[in-house]
Amino acid sequence: MDPVLVEVTRGARVESAHRGAAIVVDAGGKVVFSAGDVDLPVYPRSAVKALLALPMVESGAAARLGLSDGEIALACSSHSGEADHVATATAMLAKAGRDVSCLECGTHWPSYDGAARALAAAGQQPSALHNNCSGKHSGFICLACDRGDDPSGYVKPDHPTMKVITAALAEMTSTTLDDGNMAVDGCSIPTFAIPLRALALGFARFGSGQGMAADRAAAARRIRAAVAANPRLVAGTNRFDTKVIAALGERVFVKGGAEGVHCAAIPELGLGIAVKCDDGAGRAADVITATLIARLLPNNGTPDPVVAGLSRPTLTNWNGIEVGAMRPTGGLV
């Protein structure tokens, strides 16, 4: 059984506890930190979007289509469906000669309440552009069109563009990806069960460029710089990834996924991080990830105050009264 890594307090008592696993490795696979079963395959879901965006950049498709840094950042995002997210996805599709009708990610209301309320107040319905994965899917469509592939059905595992994307993920994580570990993600693309150890290795490579061909290492640098310059486009208002990237810039790359998965890279140290909460709690994955980043990446000997705060967030009720907190525990402290 995985250890308890995060406790949730109310008053003086522990009200809830989250078990999980986490690992930090370098680009050679050397373990710097480990807790829990880091060899159990997990679905990384959206946490690996930056790795899936590598073919779009390394192939030259992003340059040939004139994609901006903001558009590259959105290709790595799980955005909140805010106006700038929708506009950026629309612009990406237009550069490929396509529009919203080409998206195969499905439709849901914006996850940011303010954006959903504004849409409803205007008497409008959401479209696939509001889907949190529309940036990723727009990137896939851009790659398909640049390759000369018909983008129709790009979400299927046997689509030629998706095969290229899957191959990049397999190479980055040194993991065999096939029918034996494949399932369907929320946005309909394939998702593959990969051990945390392998995910951390992939992000150590992504952040350091080690173990990658020159074109892919350059693409990783471009993606990291684009994300650091556009933290809002990677997530959105009051979102964990946006806060961390806005605070630390190119010193860190972090990306959360569904069901309590987080991955991160610390380029200057050549380290990769992978986290999975057993109960799928994203709030606990945030605390674990922030704790590891704060420990590994101090600023003049002390953790960045934003990241430190995210590692021990306070909990308030609807009247703004502080009622408890979340805190790392077990092997994290």
C-alpha atoms as a PDB file:
ATOM      1  CA  MET A   1       0.000   0.000   0.000  1.00  0.00           C
ATOM      2  CA  ASP A   2       1.271   3.446  -0.894  1.00  0.00           C
ATOM      3  CA  PRO A   3       2.081   5.784   2.016  1.00  0.00           C
ATOM      4  CA  VAL A   4       0.000   8.745   3.074  1.00  0.00           C
ATOM      5  CA  LEU A   5       1.682  11.730   1.443  1.00  0.00           C
ATOM      6  CA  VAL A   6      -0.858  14.484   2.154  1.00  0.00           C
ATOM      7  CA  GLU A   7      -3.089  15.180   5.152  1.00  0.00           C
ATOM      8  CA  VAL A   8      -6.095  17.503   5.244  1.00  0.00           C
ATOM      9  CA  THR A   9      -6.799  19.115   8.593  1.00  0.00           C
ATOM     10  CA  ARG A  10      -9.879  20.773  10.015  1.00  0.00           C
ATOM     11  CA  GLY A  11      -9.264  22.498  13.286  1.00  0.00           C
ATOM     12  CA  ALA A  12      -6.753  20.417  15.227  1.00  0.00           C
ATOM     13  CA  ARG A  13      -7.693  17.087  13.618  1.00  0.00           C
ATOM     14  CA  VAL A  14      -6.769  15.271  10.426  1.00  0.00           C
ATOM     15  CA  GLU A  15     -10.032  15.022   8.488  1.00  0.00           C
ATOM     16  CA  SER A  16      -8.760  13.265   5.347  1.00  0.00           C
ATOM     17  CA  ALA A  17      -5.599  11.650   4.061  1.00  0.00           C
ATOM     18  CA  HIS A  18      -4.315  10.973   0.544  1.00  0.00           C
ATOM     19  CA  ARG A  19      -2.029   8.065  -0.309  1.00  0.00           C
ATOM     20  CA  GLY A  20       0.153   8.113  -3.349  1.00  0.00           C
ATOM     21  CA  ALA A  21       3.472   7.600  -5.043  1.00  0.00           C
ATOM     22  CA  ALA A  22       6.088  10.056  -6.297  1.00  0.00           C
ATOM     23  CA  ILE A  23       9.524   9.882  -7.851  1.00  0.00           C
ATOM     24  CA  VAL A  24      12.306  12.218  -8.955  1.00  0.00           C
ATOM     25  CA  VAL A  25      14.977  10.974 -11.377  1.00  0.00           C
ATOM     26  CA  ASP A  26      17.718  12.413 -13.554  1.00  0.00           C
ATOM     27  CA  ALA A  27      18.025  11.875 -17.301  1.00  0.00           C
ATOM     28  CA  GLY A  28      20.140   8.780 -16.703  1.00  0.00           C
ATOM     29  CA  GLY A  29      17.412   7.225 -14.571  1.00  0.00           C
ATOM     30  CA  LYS A  30      19.167   7.744 -11.219  1.00  0.00           C
ATOM     31  CA  VAL A  31      16.589   8.066  -8.446  1.00  0.00           C
ATOM     32  CA  VAL A  32      16.853  11.230  -6.352  1.00  0.00           C
ATOM     33  CA  PHE A  33      13.639  10.678  -4.390  1.00  0.00           C
ATOM     34  CA  SER A  34      11.030   7.937  -4.305  1.00  0.00           C
ATOM     35  CA  ALA A  35       7.938   7.125  -2.268  1.00  0.00           C
ATOM     36  CA  GLY A  36       5.323   4.457  -2.896  1.00  0.00           C
ATOM     37  CA  ASP A  37       5.052   2.046  -5.815  1.00  0.00           C
ATOM     38  CA  VAL A  38       6.679   3.973  -8.642  1.00  0.00           C
ATOM     39  CA  ASP A  39       6.778   0.960 -10.964  1.00  0.00           C
ATOM     40  CA  LEU A  40       3.023   0.467 -11.108  1.00  0.00           C
ATOM     41  CA  PRO A  41       1.778   1.642 -14.536  1.00  0.00           C
ATOM     42  CA  VAL A  42      -0.644   4.577 -14.379  1.00  0.00           C
ATOM     43  CA  TYR A  43      -2.488   6.530 -17.029  1.00  0.00           C
ATOM     44  CA  PRO A  44      -0.737   9.920 -17.179  1.00  0.00           C
ATOM     45  CA  ARG A  45      -3.667  11.504 -19.006  1.00  0.00           C
ATOM     46  CA  SER A  46      -3.060  15.206 -19.685  1.00  0.00           C
ATOM     47  CA  ALA A  47       0.210  15.335 -17.750  1.00  0.00           C
ATOM     48  CA  VAL A  48       2.129  14.282 -20.901  1.00  0.00           C
ATOM     49  CA  LYS A  49       0.672  16.835 -23.321  1.00  0.00           C
ATOM     50  CA  ALA A  50       4.039  18.562 -23.779  1.00  0.00           C
ATOM     51  CA  LEU A  51       5.587  15.265 -24.867  1.00  0.00           C
ATOM     52  CA  LEU A  52       2.733  14.771 -27.324  1.00  0.00           C
ATOM     53  CA  ALA A  53       3.419  18.238 -28.760  1.00  0.00           C
ATOM     54  CA  LEU A  54       7.056  17.434 -29.576  1.00  0.00           C
ATOM     55  CA  PRO A  55       6.389  16.095 -33.121  1.00  0.00           C
ATOM     56  CA  MET A  56       4.506  19.267 -34.069  1.00  0.00           C
ATOM     57  CA  VAL A  57       7.553  21.382 -33.227  1.00  0.00           C
ATOM     58  CA  GLU A  58      10.459  19.086 -34.117  1.00  0.00           C
ATOM     59  CA  SER A  59       8.994  18.280 -37.543  1.00  0.00           C
ATOM     60  CA  GLY A  60       8.975  21.967 -38.459  1.00  0.00           C
ATOM     61  CA  ALA A  61       5.177  22.036 -38.712  1.00  0.00           C
ATOM     62  CA  ALA A  62       4.862  24.757 -36.059  1.00  0.00           C
ATOM     63  CA  ALA A  63       7.366  26.950 -37.899  1.00  0.00           C
ATOM     64  CA  ARG A  64       5.871  26.361 -41.354  1.00  0.00           C
ATOM     65  CA  LEU A  65       2.384  27.209 -40.089  1.00  0.00           C
ATOM     66  CA  GLY A  66       3.671  30.251 -38.200  1.00  0.00           C
ATOM     67  CA  LEU A  67       2.432  29.109 -34.796  1.00  0.00           C
ATOM     68  CA  SER A  68       3.134  31.629 -32.061  1.00  0.00           C
ATOM     69  CA  ASP A  69       4.579  30.850 -28.641  1.00  0.00           C
ATOM     70  CA  GLY A  70       1.083  31.222 -27.207  1.00  0.00           C
ATOM     71  CA  GLU A  71      -0.288  28.691 -29.653  1.00  0.00           C
ATOM     72  CA  ILE A  72       2.492  26.228 -28.848  1.00  0.00           C
ATOM     73  CA  ALA A  73       1.761  26.707 -25.139  1.00  0.00           C
ATOM     74  CA  LEU A  74      -1.933  26.008 -25.731  1.00  0.00           C
ATOM     75  CA  ALA A  75      -1.012  22.744 -27.473  1.00  0.00           C
ATOM     76  CA  CYS A  76       0.369  21.628 -24.086  1.00  0.00           C
ATOM     77  CA  SER A  77      -2.567  22.876 -22.066  1.00  0.00           C
ATOM     78  CA  SER A  78      -5.537  21.680 -20.094  1.00  0.00           C
ATOM     79  CA  HIS A  79      -7.161  25.083 -20.276  1.00  0.00           C
ATOM     80  CA  SER A  80     -10.184  26.477 -18.479  1.00  0.00           C
ATOM     81  CA  GLY A  81     -12.188  27.489 -21.546  1.00  0.00           C
ATOM     82  CA  GLU A  82     -11.636  31.214 -21.050  1.00  0.00           C
ATOM     83  CA  ALA A  83     -11.848  33.714 -23.895  1.00  0.00           C
ATOM     84  CA  ASP A  84      -8.111  33.791 -24.609  1.00  0.00           C
ATOM     85  CA  HIS A  85      -7.976  29.998 -24.678  1.00  0.00           C
ATOM     86  CA  VAL A  86     -10.819  29.794 -27.185  1.00  0.00           C
ATOM     87  CA  ALA A  87      -9.337  32.549 -29.361  1.00  0.00           C
ATOM     88  CA  THR A  88      -5.924  30.888 -29.418  1.00  0.00           C
ATOM     89  CA  ALA A  89      -7.321  27.488 -30.415  1.00  0.00           C
ATOM     90  CA  THR A  90      -9.376  29.161 -33.141  1.00  0.00           C
ATOM     91  CA  ALA A  91      -6.259  30.869 -34.489  1.00  0.00           C
ATOM     92  CA  MET A  92      -4.302  27.601 -34.516  1.00  0.00           C
ATOM     93  CA  LEU A  93      -6.973  25.850 -36.533  1.00  0.00           C
ATOM     94  CA  ALA A  94      -7.188  28.767 -38.986  1.00  0.00           C
ATOM     95  CA  LYS A  95      -3.459  28.528 -39.663  1.00  0.00           C
ATOM     96  CA  ALA A  96      -4.021  24.906 -40.683  1.00  0.00           C
ATOM     97  CA  GLY A  97      -6.957  25.924 -42.871  1.00  0.00           C
ATOM     98  CA  ARG A  98      -9.453  24.333 -40.485  1.00  0.00           C
ATOM     99  CA  ASP A  99     -12.097  25.341 -37.947  1.00  0.00           C
ATOM    100  CA  VAL A 100     -13.959  24.026 -34.912  1.00  0.00           C
ATOM    101  CA  SER A 101     -15.766  21.411 -37.009  1.00  0.00           C
ATOM    102  CA  CYS A 102     -12.470  19.530 -37.334  1.00  0.00           C
ATOM    103  CA  LEU A 103     -12.068  19.023 -33.574  1.00  0.00           C
ATOM    104  CA  GLU A 104     -12.845  15.524 -32.283  1.00  0.00           C
ATOM    105  CA  CYS A 105     -12.332  16.163 -28.563  1.00  0.00           C
ATOM    106  CA  GLY A 106     -15.985  16.585 -27.641  1.00  0.00           C
ATOM    107  CA  THR A 107     -17.736  19.521 -25.986  1.00  0.00           C
ATOM    108  CA  HIS A 108     -18.136  20.606 -22.378  1.00  0.00           C
ATOM    109  CA  TRP A 109     -18.766  23.848 -20.530  1.00  0.00           C
ATOM    110  CA  PRO A 110     -15.690  25.887 -19.535  1.00  0.00           C
ATOM    111  CA  SER A 111     -14.174  24.606 -16.307  1.00  0.00           C
ATOM    112  CA  TYR A 112     -13.626  28.182 -15.113  1.00  0.00           C
ATOM    113  CA  ASP A 113     -16.887  29.276 -13.553  1.00  0.00           C
ATOM    114  CA  GLY A 114     -16.526  32.878 -14.718  1.00  0.00           C
ATOM    115  CA  ALA A 115     -16.161  31.797 -18.345  1.00  0.00           C
ATOM    116  CA  ALA A 116     -19.111  29.413 -18.100  1.00  0.00           C
ATOM    117  CA  ARG A 117     -21.313  32.107 -16.553  1.00  0.00           C
ATOM    118  CA  ALA A 118     -20.323  34.626 -19.231  1.00  0.00           C
ATOM    119  CA  LEU A 119     -21.153  32.138 -21.975  1.00  0.00           C
ATOM    120  CA  ALA A 120     -24.531  31.347 -20.451  1.00  0.00           C
ATOM    121  CA  ALA A 121     -25.301  35.043 -19.849  1.00  0.00           C
ATOM    122  CA  ALA A 122     -24.689  35.690 -23.533  1.00  0.00           C
ATOM    123  CA  GLY A 123     -27.189  32.976 -24.402  1.00  0.00           C
ATOM    124  CA  GLN A 124     -24.505  30.836 -26.003  1.00  0.00           C
ATOM    125  CA  GLN A 125     -23.682  27.140 -25.804  1.00  0.00           C
ATOM    126  CA  PRO A 126     -20.143  25.764 -25.480  1.00  0.00           C
ATOM    127  CA  SER A 127     -18.352  24.282 -28.451  1.00  0.00           C
ATOM    128  CA  ALA A 128     -15.415  21.902 -28.770  1.00  0.00           C
ATOM    129  CA  LEU A 129     -13.187  24.989 -28.512  1.00  0.00           C
ATOM    130  CA  HIS A 130     -14.150  25.193 -24.826  1.00  0.00           C
ATOM    131  CA  ASN A 131     -12.992  21.638 -24.201  1.00  0.00           C
ATOM    132  CA  ASN A 132      -9.915  21.741 -21.972  1.00  0.00           C
ATOM    133  CA  CYS A 133      -8.046  19.668 -24.583  1.00  0.00           C
ATOM    134  CA  SER A 134      -8.885  21.792 -27.633  1.00  0.00           C
ATOM    135  CA  GLY A 135      -5.354  23.232 -27.745  1.00  0.00           C
ATOM    136  CA  LYS A 136      -3.792  19.788 -27.815  1.00  0.00           C
ATOM    137  CA  HIS A 137      -6.217  18.667 -30.496  1.00  0.00           C
ATOM    138  CA  SER A 138      -5.609  21.809 -32.548  1.00  0.00           C
ATOM    139  CA  GLY A 139      -1.914  20.960 -32.399  1.00  0.00           C
ATOM    140  CA  PHE A 140      -2.627  17.441 -33.657  1.00  0.00           C
ATOM    141  CA  ILE A 141      -4.645  18.877 -36.535  1.00  0.00           C
ATOM    142  CA  CYS A 142      -1.842  21.302 -37.379  1.00  0.00           C
ATOM    143  CA  LEU A 143       0.625  18.405 -37.500  1.00  0.00           C
ATOM    144  CA  ALA A 144      -1.696  16.262 -39.603  1.00  0.00           C
ATOM    145  CA  CYS A 145      -2.331  19.015 -42.142  1.00  0.00           C
ATOM    146  CA  ASP A 146       1.372  19.850 -42.389  1.00  0.00           C
ATOM    147  CA  ARG A 147       2.159  16.166 -42.978  1.00  0.00           C
ATOM    148  CA  GLY A 148      -0.475  15.949 -45.695  1.00  0.00           C
ATOM    149  CA  ASP A 149      -2.607  13.538 -43.647  1.00  0.00           C
ATOM    150  CA  ASP A 150      -6.383  13.823 -43.716  1.00  0.00           C
ATOM    151  CA  PRO A 151      -7.044  14.936 -40.119  1.00  0.00           C
ATOM    152  CA  SER A 152     -10.383  13.131 -40.005  1.00  0.00           C
ATOM    153  CA  GLY A 153     -10.178  10.428 -37.354  1.00  0.00           C
ATOM    154  CA  TYR A 154      -6.906  11.794 -35.930  1.00  0.00           C
ATOM    155  CA  VAL A 155      -7.924  10.594 -32.450  1.00  0.00           C
ATOM    156  CA  LYS A 156      -7.740   6.941 -33.469  1.00  0.00           C
ATOM    157  CA  PRO A 157      -4.593   4.984 -32.555  1.00  0.00           C
ATOM    158  CA  ASP A 158      -4.095   3.812 -36.153  1.00  0.00           C
ATOM    159  CA  HIS A 159      -4.257   7.297 -37.683  1.00  0.00           C
ATOM    160  CA  PRO A 160      -0.844   8.089 -39.233  1.00  0.00           C
ATOM    161  CA  THR A 161      -0.479  11.332 -37.283  1.00  0.00           C
ATOM    162  CA  MET A 162      -1.423   9.686 -33.994  1.00  0.00           C
ATOM    163  CA  LYS A 163       1.137   6.949 -34.663  1.00  0.00           C
ATOM    164  CA  VAL A 164       3.862   9.605 -34.879  1.00  0.00           C
ATOM    165  CA  ILE A 165       2.682  11.203 -31.639  1.00  0.00           C
ATOM    166  CA  THR A 166       2.504   7.872 -29.815  1.00  0.00           C
ATOM    167  CA  ALA A 167       5.989   6.970 -31.029  1.00  0.00           C
ATOM    168  CA  ALA A 168       7.373  10.180 -29.510  1.00  0.00           C
ATOM    169  CA  LEU A 169       5.798   9.373 -26.132  1.00  0.00           C
ATOM    170  CA  ALA A 170       7.191   5.837 -26.266  1.00  0.00           C
ATOM    171  CA  GLU A 171      10.675   7.097 -27.072  1.00  0.00           C
ATOM    172  CA  MET A 172      10.657   9.790 -24.391  1.00  0.00           C
ATOM    173  CA  THR A 173       9.598   7.347 -21.668  1.00  0.00           C
ATOM    174  CA  SER A 174      11.434   4.261 -23.019  1.00  0.00           C
ATOM    175  CA  THR A 175       8.140   2.382 -22.717  1.00  0.00           C
ATOM    176  CA  THR A 176       6.412   0.033 -25.138  1.00  0.00           C
ATOM    177  CA  LEU A 177       2.984   1.461 -25.954  1.00  0.00           C
ATOM    178  CA  ASP A 178       0.536  -0.965 -27.536  1.00  0.00           C
ATOM    179  CA  ASP A 179      -2.888  -2.545 -27.109  1.00  0.00           C
ATOM    180  CA  GLY A 180      -1.720  -4.124 -23.851  1.00  0.00           C
ATOM    181  CA  ASN A 181      -1.511  -0.815 -21.995  1.00  0.00           C
ATOM    182  CA  MET A 182      -3.826   1.382 -24.074  1.00  0.00           C
ATOM    183  CA  ALA A 183      -7.168   2.891 -23.059  1.00  0.00           C
ATOM    184  CA  VAL A 184      -9.239   5.863 -24.263  1.00  0.00           C
ATOM    185  CA  ASP A 185      -8.736   9.293 -22.694  1.00  0.00           C
ATOM    186  CA  GLY A 186     -11.517  11.735 -21.852  1.00  0.00           C
ATOM    187  CA  CYS A 187     -10.909  13.600 -25.114  1.00  0.00           C
ATOM    188  CA  SER A 188     -10.960  10.322 -27.115  1.00  0.00           C
ATOM    189  CA  ILE A 189      -7.238   9.992 -27.935  1.00  0.00           C
ATOM    190  CA  PRO A 190      -5.309   6.913 -26.776  1.00  0.00           C
ATOM    191  CA  THR A 191      -3.845   7.022 -23.278  1.00  0.00           C
ATOM    192  CA  PHE A 192      -1.254   4.497 -22.174  1.00  0.00           C
ATOM    193  CA  ALA A 193      -0.449   3.107 -18.728  1.00  0.00           C
ATOM    194  CA  ILE A 194       3.182   4.014 -17.957  1.00  0.00           C
ATOM    195  CA  PRO A 195       5.126   3.560 -14.694  1.00  0.00           C
ATOM    196  CA  LEU A 196       5.862   6.728 -12.735  1.00  0.00           C
ATOM    197  CA  ARG A 197       9.579   5.923 -12.984  1.00  0.00           C
ATOM    198  CA  ALA A 198       9.361   6.061 -16.790  1.00  0.00           C
ATOM    199  CA  LEU A 199       7.266   9.241 -16.769  1.00  0.00           C
ATOM    200  CA  ALA A 200       9.801  10.989 -14.547  1.00  0.00           C
ATOM    201  CA  LEU A 201      12.573   9.845 -16.890  1.00  0.00           C
ATOM    202  CA  GLY A 202      10.704  11.294 -19.867  1.00  0.00           C
ATOM    203  CA  PHE A 203      10.420  14.668 -18.146  1.00  0.00           C
ATOM    204  CA  ALA A 204      14.054  14.626 -17.042  1.00  0.00           C
ATOM    205  CA  ARG A 205      14.919  14.191 -20.711  1.00  0.00           C
ATOM    206  CA  PHE A 206      12.385  16.853 -21.742  1.00  0.00           C
ATOM    207  CA  GLY A 207      13.950  19.368 -19.365  1.00  0.00           C
ATOM    208  CA  SER A 208      17.608  18.555 -19.968  1.00  0.00           C
ATOM    209  CA  GLY A 209      17.745  17.506 -23.622  1.00  0.00           C
ATOM    210  CA  GLN A 210      19.771  14.444 -22.643  1.00  0.00           C
ATOM    211  CA  GLY A 211      18.944  11.206 -24.413  1.00  0.00           C
ATOM    212  CA  MET A 212      17.242  13.091 -27.255  1.00  0.00           C
ATOM    213  CA  ALA A 213      18.174  13.832 -30.854  1.00  0.00           C
ATOM    214  CA  ALA A 214      19.197  17.434 -31.544  1.00  0.00           C
ATOM    215  CA  ASP A 215      15.929  18.331 -33.292  1.00  0.00           C
ATOM    216  CA  ARG A 216      13.849  16.956 -30.441  1.00  0.00           C
ATOM    217  CA  ALA A 217      15.977  18.664 -27.786  1.00  0.00           C
ATOM    218  CA  ALA A 218      15.534  21.963 -29.630  1.00  0.00           C
ATOM    219  CA  ALA A 219      11.781  21.354 -29.823  1.00  0.00           C
ATOM    220  CA  ALA A 220      11.657  20.720 -26.077  1.00  0.00           C
ATOM    221  CA  ARG A 221      13.480  24.002 -25.417  1.00  0.00           C
ATOM    222  CA  ARG A 222      11.038  25.857 -27.664  1.00  0.00           C
ATOM    223  CA  ILE A 223       8.041  24.325 -25.904  1.00  0.00           C
ATOM    224  CA  ARG A 224       9.407  25.100 -22.435  1.00  0.00           C
ATOM    225  CA  ALA A 225      10.116  28.703 -23.411  1.00  0.00           C
ATOM    226  CA  ALA A 226       6.665  29.102 -24.985  1.00  0.00           C
ATOM    227  CA  VAL A 227       4.958  27.762 -21.869  1.00  0.00           C
ATOM    228  CA  ALA A 228       7.053  29.942 -19.537  1.00  0.00           C
ATOM    229  CA  ALA A 229       6.087  33.009 -21.569  1.00  0.00           C
ATOM    230  CA  ASN A 230       2.369  32.116 -21.530  1.00  0.00           C
ATOM    231  CA  PRO A 231       1.482  30.521 -18.185  1.00  0.00           C
ATOM    232  CA  ARG A 232      -2.197  31.539 -18.470  1.00  0.00           C
ATOM    233  CA  LEU A 233      -2.606  29.566 -21.667  1.00  0.00           C
ATOM    234  CA  VAL A 234      -1.362  26.339 -20.055  1.00  0.00           C
ATOM    235  CA  ALA A 235      -4.180  26.295 -17.490  1.00  0.00           C
ATOM    236  CA  GLY A 236      -5.984  29.523 -16.540  1.00  0.00           C
ATOM    237  CA  THR A 237      -7.314  31.662 -13.733  1.00  0.00           C
ATOM    238  CA  ASN A 238      -6.374  30.422 -10.244  1.00  0.00           C
ATOM    239  CA  ARG A 239      -4.930  27.168 -11.624  1.00  0.00           C
ATOM    240  CA  PHE A 240      -1.956  25.375 -10.050  1.00  0.00           C
ATOM    241  CA  ASP A 241       0.140  24.987 -13.218  1.00  0.00           C
ATOM    242  CA  THR A 242      -0.316  28.637 -14.156  1.00  0.00           C
ATOM    243  CA  LYS A 243       0.686  29.822 -10.672  1.00  0.00           C
ATOM    244  CA  VAL A 244       3.858  27.703 -10.534  1.00  0.00           C
ATOM    245  CA  ILE A 245       5.001  28.580 -14.053  1.00  0.00           C
ATOM    246  CA  ALA A 246       4.239  32.276 -13.534  1.00  0.00           C
ATOM    247  CA  ALA A 247       6.346  32.220 -10.356  1.00  0.00           C
ATOM    248  CA  LEU A 248       9.340  30.257 -11.666  1.00  0.00           C
ATOM    249  CA  GLY A 249       9.313  30.777 -15.434  1.00  0.00           C
ATOM    250  CA  GLU A 250      11.716  28.564 -17.347  1.00  0.00           C
ATOM    251  CA  ARG A 251      13.176  27.166 -14.128  1.00  0.00           C
ATOM    252  CA  VAL A 252      10.354  24.620 -14.047  1.00  0.00           C
ATOM    253  CA  PHE A 253       7.862  22.951 -16.357  1.00  0.00           C
ATOM    254  CA  VAL A 254       4.814  21.432 -14.656  1.00  0.00           C
ATOM    255  CA  LYS A 255       1.687  19.823 -16.016  1.00  0.00           C
ATOM    256  CA  GLY A 256      -1.182  18.152 -14.246  1.00  0.00           C
ATOM    257  CA  GLY A 257      -3.424  15.400 -15.550  1.00  0.00           C
ATOM    258  CA  ALA A 258      -6.709  13.852 -14.515  1.00  0.00           C
ATOM    259  CA  GLU A 259      -6.996  11.412 -11.606  1.00  0.00           C
ATOM    260  CA  GLY A 260      -4.248  12.893  -9.473  1.00  0.00           C
ATOM    261  CA  VAL A 261      -1.284  12.712 -11.851  1.00  0.00           C
ATOM    262  CA  HIS A 262       1.367  15.419 -12.145  1.00  0.00           C
ATOM    263  CA  CYS A 263       4.621  15.543 -14.088  1.00  0.00           C
ATOM    264  CA  ALA A 264       7.320  18.194 -13.978  1.00  0.00           C
ATOM    265  CA  ALA A 265      10.805  18.999 -15.203  1.00  0.00           C
ATOM    266  CA  ILE A 266      13.502  21.079 -13.550  1.00  0.00           C
ATOM    267  CA  PRO A 267      15.849  21.915 -16.448  1.00  0.00           C
ATOM    268  CA  GLU A 268      18.720  23.452 -14.485  1.00  0.00           C
ATOM    269  CA  LEU A 269      19.000  20.299 -12.379  1.00  0.00           C
ATOM    270  CA  GLY A 270      18.189  17.857 -15.168  1.00  0.00           C
ATOM    271  CA  LEU A 271      15.458  16.268 -13.052  1.00  0.00           C
ATOM    272  CA  GLY A 272      12.023  14.897 -13.825  1.00  0.00           C
ATOM    273  CA  ILE A 273       9.129  14.435 -11.394  1.00  0.00           C
ATOM    274  CA  ALA A 274       6.092  12.147 -11.590  1.00  0.00           C
ATOM    275  CA  VAL A 275       3.277  11.945  -9.027  1.00  0.00           C
ATOM    276  CA  LYS A 276       0.124   9.835  -8.711  1.00  0.00           C
ATOM    277  CA  CYS A 277      -2.469  10.052  -5.931  1.00  0.00           C
ATOM    278  CA  ASP A 278      -4.190   6.733  -5.346  1.00  0.00           C
ATOM    279  CA  ASP A 279      -7.625   8.303  -4.922  1.00  0.00           C
ATOM    280  CA  GLY A 280      -7.251  10.540  -7.990  1.00  0.00           C
ATOM    281  CA  ALA A 281      -7.258  13.744  -5.926  1.00  0.00           C
ATOM    282  CA  GLY A 282      -5.786  16.600  -7.901  1.00  0.00           C
ATOM    283  CA  ARG A 283      -5.564  18.782  -4.808  1.00  0.00           C
ATOM    284  CA  ALA A 284      -3.207  16.278  -3.195  1.00  0.00           C
ATOM    285  CA  ALA A 285      -1.122  15.932  -6.356  1.00  0.00           C
ATOM    286  CA  ASP A 286      -0.707  19.723  -6.278  1.00  0.00           C
ATOM    287  CA  VAL A 287       0.637  19.617  -2.723  1.00  0.00           C
ATOM    288  CA  ILE A 288       3.049  16.760  -3.455  1.00  0.00           C
ATOM    289  CA  THR A 289       4.360  18.402  -6.615  1.00  0.00           C
ATOM    290  CA  ALA A 290       4.782  21.812  -4.985  1.00  0.00           C
ATOM    291  CA  THR A 291       6.569  20.215  -2.024  1.00  0.00           C
ATOM    292  CA  LEU A 292       9.062  18.458  -4.287  1.00  0.00           C
ATOM    293  CA  ILE A 293       9.682  21.561  -6.389  1.00  0.00           C
ATOM    294  CA  ALA A 294      10.170  23.712  -3.297  1.00  0.00           C
ATOM    295  CA  ARG A 295      12.647  21.196  -1.886  1.00  0.00           C
ATOM    296  CA  LEU A 296      14.612  20.755  -5.109  1.00  0.00           C
ATOM    297  CA  LEU A 297      14.589  24.325  -6.374  1.00  0.00           C
ATOM    298  CA  PRO A 298      15.222  26.820  -3.573  1.00  0.00           C
ATOM    299  CA  ASN A 299      15.600  30.501  -4.385  1.00  0.00           C
ATOM    300  CA  ASN A 300      18.632  31.895  -2.541  1.00  0.00           C
ATOM    301  CA  GLY A 301      18.341  29.122  -0.003  1.00  0.00           C
ATOM    302  CA  THR A 302      14.603  29.410   0.585  1.00  0.00           C
ATOM    303  CA  PRO A 303      11.668  28.031  -1.415  1.00  0.00           C
ATOM    304  CA  ASP A 304       9.809  30.361  -3.762  1.00  0.00           C
ATOM    305  CA  PRO A 305       6.990  31.825  -1.629  1.00  0.00           C
ATOM    306  CA  VAL A 306       4.300  31.017  -4.192  1.00  0.00           C
ATOM    307  CA  VAL A 307       5.374  27.392  -4.467  1.00  0.00           C
ATOM    308  CA  ALA A 308       5.843  27.115  -0.704  1.00  0.00           C
ATOM    309  CA  GLY A 309       2.286  28.366  -0.227  1.00  0.00           C
ATOM    310  CA  LEU A 310       0.958  25.830  -2.705  1.00  0.00           C
ATOM    311  CA  SER A 311       2.675  23.056  -0.755  1.00  0.00           C
ATOM    312  CA  ARG A 312       0.699  23.955   2.389  1.00  0.00           C
ATOM    313  CA  PRO A 313      -2.516  25.653   1.240  1.00  0.00           C
ATOM    314  CA  THR A 314      -5.035  26.893   3.785  1.00  0.00           C
ATOM    315  CA  LEU A 315      -8.698  25.953   3.485  1.00  0.00           C
ATOM    316  CA  THR A 316     -11.447  28.519   3.961  1.00  0.00           C
ATOM    317  CA  ASN A 317     -15.213  28.253   4.143  1.00  0.00           C
ATOM    318  CA  TRP A 318     -17.780  30.246   2.159  1.00  0.00           C
ATOM    319  CA  ASN A 319     -17.398  33.180   4.575  1.00  0.00           C
ATOM    320  CA  GLY A 320     -13.652  33.312   4.007  1.00  0.00           C
ATOM    321  CA  ILE A 321     -12.901  31.915   7.463  1.00  0.00           C
ATOM    322  CA  GLU A 322      -9.816  29.717   7.676  1.00  0.00           C
ATOM    323  CA  VAL A 323     -10.982  26.268   8.764  1.00  0.00           C
ATOM    324  CA  GLY A 324      -8.047  23.985   7.993  1.00  0.00           C
ATOM    325  CA  ALA A 325      -5.118  23.259   5.756  1.00  0.00           C
ATOM    326  CA  MET A 326      -3.393  20.683   3.592  1.00  0.00           C
ATOM    327  CA  ARG A 327       0.113  19.543   4.424  1.00  0.00           C
ATOM    328  CA  PRO A 328       2.712  17.088   3.108  1.00  0.00           C
ATOM    329  CA  THR A 329       3.494  14.160   5.343  1.00  0.00           C
ATOM    330  CA  GLY A 330       5.269  10.813   5.364  1.00  0.00           C
ATOM    331  CA  GLY A 331       8.394  10.733   3.240  1.00  0.00           C
ATOM    332  CA  LEU A 332       7.770  14.237   1.900  1.00  0.00           C
ATOM    333  CA  VAL A 333       8.723  16.027   5.129  1.00  0.00           C
END
